[in-house]
Protein backbone atom coordinates (compact mmCIF):
# COMPACT_ATOMS: atom_id res chain seq x y z
CA MET A 1 18.35 -18.46 61.52
CA ARG A 2 21.09 -20.84 60.44
CA PHE A 3 23.39 -20.34 57.48
CA ALA A 4 25.93 -22.30 55.46
CA VAL A 5 29.04 -20.54 54.18
CA SER A 6 30.17 -22.09 50.89
CA GLY A 7 33.15 -21.55 48.63
CA SER A 8 32.88 -20.97 44.90
CA SER A 9 33.13 -24.72 44.23
CA GLY A 10 30.09 -25.35 46.45
CA GLN A 11 32.06 -26.86 49.32
CA VAL A 12 30.57 -25.90 52.70
CA LEU A 13 33.21 -24.09 54.75
CA ALA A 14 31.12 -23.61 57.88
CA TYR A 15 27.67 -23.68 59.35
CA GLY A 16 26.58 -21.06 61.85
CA GLN A 17 24.42 -18.08 62.71
CA LEU A 18 24.43 -14.35 62.10
CA PHE A 19 24.06 -12.16 65.17
CA ILE A 20 24.40 -8.54 66.24
CA GLN A 21 27.04 -7.71 68.81
CA THR A 22 27.08 -4.44 70.75
CA ASP A 23 30.51 -3.16 71.81
CA GLU A 24 31.46 -1.02 74.82
CA ALA A 25 30.88 2.18 72.82
CA GLY A 26 27.32 1.10 71.97
CA GLU A 27 28.04 0.41 68.30
CA GLN A 28 26.42 -2.65 66.82
CA ARG A 29 28.30 -5.07 64.55
CA LEU A 30 27.06 -7.76 62.22
CA CYS A 31 28.86 -10.99 63.17
CA PHE A 32 28.85 -14.68 62.28
CA CYS A 33 29.40 -17.48 64.79
CA THR A 34 30.32 -20.87 63.37
CA ASP A 35 29.05 -24.08 64.93
CA ARG A 36 32.63 -24.65 66.12
CA GLY A 37 32.57 -21.38 68.07
CA THR A 38 34.62 -19.12 65.80
CA ILE A 39 33.26 -15.58 65.82
CA ILE A 40 33.86 -13.50 62.70
CA GLU A 41 33.19 -9.80 63.19
CA GLY A 42 31.76 -7.75 60.36
CA GLY A 43 31.33 -4.01 60.10
CA THR A 44 29.23 -1.64 62.16
CA ILE A 45 25.54 -1.33 61.46
CA GLU A 46 24.56 2.17 60.42
CA SER A 47 22.24 4.20 62.66
CA ASP A 48 19.39 3.83 60.15
CA GLY A 49 19.72 0.02 60.31
CA ASN A 50 21.35 -0.32 56.89
CA LEU A 51 23.42 -3.51 56.76
CA THR A 52 25.20 -2.91 53.44
CA ASN A 53 28.58 -1.79 54.81
CA ALA A 54 28.40 -4.21 57.73
CA GLY A 55 27.74 -7.10 55.34
CA GLN A 56 30.55 -6.07 52.98
CA GLU A 57 32.98 -5.97 55.88
CA LEU A 58 31.77 -9.38 57.08
CA PHE A 59 32.47 -10.87 53.65
CA ARG A 60 35.97 -9.29 53.70
CA GLU A 61 36.52 -11.08 57.01
CA PHE A 62 35.29 -14.33 55.45
CA LEU A 63 38.02 -13.84 52.82
CA LYS A 64 40.65 -13.41 55.55
CA THR A 65 39.34 -16.42 57.48
CA TRP A 66 39.06 -18.92 54.63
CA GLY A 67 41.39 -17.34 52.07
CA MET A 68 38.94 -17.43 49.19
CA MET A 69 36.71 -15.04 47.29
CA GLY A 70 33.29 -15.85 45.93
CA VAL A 71 31.95 -17.03 49.28
CA THR A 72 28.18 -17.58 49.43
CA LEU A 73 25.98 -17.35 52.53
CA THR A 74 22.87 -19.52 52.26
CA SER A 75 20.03 -19.61 54.77
CA GLN A 76 18.86 -22.98 56.02
CA THR A 77 15.89 -24.36 57.87
CA ARG A 78 16.24 -26.95 60.59
């Protein structure tokens, strides 16, 4: 599924896809890959599949990447 990442003014910062990445230790992370190839790593997914903490960490990384708060992730159809 594709997503648009937008700033608080509505400007699209990036288009891309969410995906789950498994590290060497077997932990799974929620990540976002932009259409330009930038991978932004979120937090680890809890063993029960809960994405709350992973999603919060991903949005903190969005803040570091684009330097703005109030970022919105919107799903898109092709």
